[in-house]
Amino acid sequence: MNQIEDNVMTLNGDVGLWLGGNSFKNVYRRNTARGNQSPSPCAIGSTPDFCDAGAKNTSAGDNFLPDPQ
């Protein structure tokens, strides 16, 4: 289990940090991914505020993934 908190990911070629299929029980809070180049915030079925393809990852709903800038 990891805690991923208070990060800013800017101008990435994709969506910033995304938790892949092997991720399990991570906590992802207060992060921002902005100016990314993906056509949508998450290209996979996901939680509303971060890209999550793993299992039992959690968020307080306070991550910010705006549309590409």
N, C-alpha and C. Protein backbone atom coordinates (compact mmCIF):
# COMPACT_ATOMS: atom_id res chain seq x y z
N MET A 1 0.84 -1.18 0.00
CA MET A 1 0.00 0.00 0.00
C MET A 1 0.89 1.25 0.00
N ASN A 2 0.60 2.18 -0.89
CA ASN A 2 1.33 3.44 -0.99
C ASN A 2 0.37 4.60 -0.76
N GLN A 3 0.89 5.71 -0.28
CA GLN A 3 0.13 6.94 -0.19
C GLN A 3 0.75 7.92 -1.18
N ILE A 4 -0.03 8.35 -2.17
CA ILE A 4 0.43 9.24 -3.22
C ILE A 4 -0.34 10.54 -3.03
N GLU A 5 0.33 11.56 -2.47
CA GLU A 5 -0.38 12.77 -2.06
C GLU A 5 0.37 14.03 -2.45
N ASP A 6 -0.39 15.08 -2.77
CA ASP A 6 0.13 16.44 -2.98
C ASP A 6 1.15 16.56 -4.11
N ASN A 7 0.89 15.93 -5.24
CA ASN A 7 1.77 16.00 -6.40
C ASN A 7 1.14 16.82 -7.51
N VAL A 8 1.98 17.42 -8.35
CA VAL A 8 1.52 18.11 -9.56
C VAL A 8 2.25 17.48 -10.74
N MET A 9 1.49 16.96 -11.70
CA MET A 9 2.04 16.38 -12.92
C MET A 9 1.61 17.26 -14.08
N THR A 10 2.56 17.92 -14.72
CA THR A 10 2.26 18.92 -15.72
C THR A 10 2.87 18.56 -17.06
N LEU A 11 2.12 18.80 -18.14
CA LEU A 11 2.57 18.64 -19.53
C LEU A 11 3.13 17.25 -19.81
N ASN A 12 2.41 16.23 -19.37
CA ASN A 12 2.77 14.85 -19.68
C ASN A 12 2.23 14.48 -21.05
N GLY A 13 2.75 13.44 -21.64
CA GLY A 13 2.26 12.98 -22.93
C GLY A 13 0.97 12.20 -22.83
N ASP A 14 0.49 11.97 -21.61
CA ASP A 14 -0.72 11.18 -21.42
C ASP A 14 -1.58 11.84 -20.35
N VAL A 15 -1.94 11.14 -19.31
CA VAL A 15 -2.86 11.68 -18.30
C VAL A 15 -2.19 11.96 -16.96
N GLY A 16 -0.88 11.94 -16.89
CA GLY A 16 -0.21 12.08 -15.60
C GLY A 16 -0.04 10.71 -14.98
N LEU A 17 -0.17 10.60 -13.70
CA LEU A 17 -0.04 9.31 -13.02
C LEU A 17 -1.33 8.53 -13.17
N TRP A 18 -1.16 7.26 -13.51
CA TRP A 18 -2.33 6.41 -13.59
C TRP A 18 -2.00 5.10 -12.94
N LEU A 19 -2.92 4.60 -12.15
CA LEU A 19 -2.71 3.36 -11.42
C LEU A 19 -3.14 2.20 -12.30
N GLY A 20 -2.16 1.39 -12.70
CA GLY A 20 -2.40 0.29 -13.63
C GLY A 20 -3.06 -0.92 -12.99
N GLY A 21 -3.27 -1.94 -13.80
CA GLY A 21 -3.99 -3.14 -13.38
C GLY A 21 -3.36 -3.89 -12.22
N ASN A 22 -2.05 -3.76 -12.01
CA ASN A 22 -1.40 -4.45 -10.90
C ASN A 22 -1.37 -3.64 -9.61
N SER A 23 -1.88 -2.42 -9.62
CA SER A 23 -1.88 -1.60 -8.41
C SER A 23 -2.98 -2.07 -7.47
N PHE A 24 -2.70 -2.04 -6.19
CA PHE A 24 -3.64 -2.60 -5.21
C PHE A 24 -3.53 -1.83 -3.89
N LYS A 25 -4.66 -1.34 -3.42
CA LYS A 25 -4.77 -0.68 -2.12
C LYS A 25 -3.87 0.55 -1.97
N ASN A 26 -3.78 1.39 -3.00
CA ASN A 26 -3.06 2.64 -2.91
C ASN A 26 -4.02 3.76 -2.53
N VAL A 27 -3.51 4.77 -1.86
CA VAL A 27 -4.29 5.95 -1.49
C VAL A 27 -3.79 7.09 -2.35
N TYR A 28 -4.69 7.73 -3.09
CA TYR A 28 -4.32 8.78 -4.05
C TYR A 28 -5.13 10.03 -3.71
N ARG A 29 -4.47 11.08 -3.15
CA ARG A 29 -5.20 12.26 -2.67
C ARG A 29 -4.46 13.55 -3.01
N ARG A 30 -5.26 14.61 -3.23
CA ARG A 30 -4.77 15.98 -3.42
C ARG A 30 -3.69 16.09 -4.49
N ASN A 31 -3.88 15.44 -5.62
CA ASN A 31 -2.94 15.50 -6.73
C ASN A 31 -3.57 16.28 -7.88
N THR A 32 -2.72 16.88 -8.71
CA THR A 32 -3.18 17.62 -9.87
C THR A 32 -2.41 17.15 -11.11
N ALA A 33 -3.13 16.87 -12.17
CA ALA A 33 -2.51 16.56 -13.46
C ALA A 33 -3.07 17.59 -14.44
N ARG A 34 -2.23 18.49 -14.95
CA ARG A 34 -2.73 19.56 -15.81
C ARG A 34 -1.84 19.72 -17.04
N GLY A 35 -2.46 20.19 -18.11
CA GLY A 35 -1.72 20.41 -19.35
C GLY A 35 -1.29 19.12 -20.01
N ASN A 36 -1.99 18.03 -19.74
CA ASN A 36 -1.62 16.75 -20.31
C ASN A 36 -2.20 16.60 -21.71
N GLN A 37 -1.67 15.66 -22.47
CA GLN A 37 -2.00 15.57 -23.88
C GLN A 37 -3.02 14.51 -24.23
N SER A 38 -3.57 13.82 -23.26
CA SER A 38 -4.57 12.80 -23.54
C SER A 38 -5.86 13.47 -24.00
N PRO A 39 -6.59 12.86 -24.94
CA PRO A 39 -7.86 13.46 -25.38
C PRO A 39 -8.94 13.47 -24.32
N SER A 40 -8.81 12.67 -23.29
CA SER A 40 -9.76 12.68 -22.18
C SER A 40 -8.99 12.45 -20.89
N PRO A 41 -9.52 12.88 -19.74
CA PRO A 41 -8.80 12.70 -18.49
C PRO A 41 -8.39 11.25 -18.23
N CYS A 42 -9.24 10.30 -18.51
CA CYS A 42 -8.89 8.88 -18.36
C CYS A 42 -9.43 8.11 -19.55
N ALA A 43 -8.57 7.38 -20.20
CA ALA A 43 -8.98 6.60 -21.37
C ALA A 43 -9.51 5.23 -20.98
N ILE A 44 -9.57 4.95 -19.68
CA ILE A 44 -10.06 3.66 -19.20
C ILE A 44 -11.23 3.90 -18.26
N GLY A 45 -12.02 2.87 -18.03
CA GLY A 45 -13.06 2.99 -17.03
C GLY A 45 -12.40 3.28 -15.69
N SER A 46 -12.86 4.25 -14.96
CA SER A 46 -12.08 4.71 -13.84
C SER A 46 -12.94 5.37 -12.78
N THR A 47 -12.29 5.79 -11.71
CA THR A 47 -12.95 6.58 -10.70
C THR A 47 -13.09 8.01 -11.23
N PRO A 48 -13.95 8.84 -10.65
CA PRO A 48 -14.18 10.18 -11.20
C PRO A 48 -12.97 11.11 -11.16
N ASP A 49 -12.02 10.90 -10.24
CA ASP A 49 -10.97 11.91 -10.10
C ASP A 49 -9.54 11.38 -10.27
N PHE A 50 -9.35 10.15 -10.70
CA PHE A 50 -8.02 9.67 -11.08
C PHE A 50 -8.15 8.43 -11.94
N CYS A 51 -7.12 8.12 -12.71
CA CYS A 51 -7.13 6.98 -13.62
C CYS A 51 -6.76 5.72 -12.85
N ASP A 52 -7.68 4.81 -12.72
CA ASP A 52 -7.50 3.66 -11.86
C ASP A 52 -7.93 2.38 -12.56
N ALA A 53 -6.97 1.56 -12.93
CA ALA A 53 -7.27 0.25 -13.51
C ALA A 53 -6.99 -0.86 -12.50
N GLY A 54 -6.62 -0.48 -11.27
CA GLY A 54 -6.26 -1.46 -10.25
C GLY A 54 -7.45 -1.85 -9.38
N ALA A 55 -7.13 -2.41 -8.21
CA ALA A 55 -8.17 -2.90 -7.30
C ALA A 55 -8.01 -2.27 -5.92
N LYS A 56 -9.12 -1.85 -5.35
CA LYS A 56 -9.18 -1.32 -3.99
C LYS A 56 -8.29 -0.09 -3.77
N ASN A 57 -8.00 0.67 -4.82
CA ASN A 57 -7.32 1.96 -4.66
C ASN A 57 -8.36 2.97 -4.21
N THR A 58 -7.97 3.92 -3.38
CA THR A 58 -8.95 4.85 -2.82
C THR A 58 -8.56 6.30 -3.03
N SER A 59 -9.55 7.16 -2.94
CA SER A 59 -9.38 8.59 -3.07
C SER A 59 -10.44 9.27 -2.21
N ALA A 60 -10.12 10.47 -1.74
CA ALA A 60 -11.11 11.27 -1.03
C ALA A 60 -11.92 12.13 -2.01
N GLY A 61 -11.69 11.96 -3.32
CA GLY A 61 -12.39 12.75 -4.32
C GLY A 61 -11.80 14.14 -4.50
N ASP A 62 -10.54 14.34 -4.10
CA ASP A 62 -9.94 15.67 -4.13
C ASP A 62 -8.76 15.78 -5.10
N ASN A 63 -8.70 14.92 -6.10
CA ASN A 63 -7.69 15.05 -7.16
C ASN A 63 -8.28 15.89 -8.28
N PHE A 64 -7.42 16.59 -9.02
CA PHE A 64 -7.89 17.48 -10.08
C PHE A 64 -7.27 17.05 -11.39
N LEU A 65 -8.09 16.55 -12.30
CA LEU A 65 -7.66 16.13 -13.63
C LEU A 65 -8.44 16.91 -14.67
N PRO A 66 -8.03 18.14 -14.94
CA PRO A 66 -8.76 18.94 -15.93
C PRO A 66 -8.50 18.42 -17.34
N ASP A 67 -9.32 18.89 -18.27
CA ASP A 67 -9.09 18.54 -19.69
C ASP A 67 -7.74 19.08 -20.13
N PRO A 68 -7.16 18.49 -21.19
CA PRO A 68 -5.87 18.98 -21.69
C PRO A 68 -5.91 20.46 -22.00
N GLN A 69 -4.80 21.15 -21.75
CA GLN A 69 -4.73 22.59 -21.98
C GLN A 69 -3.89 22.89 -23.19
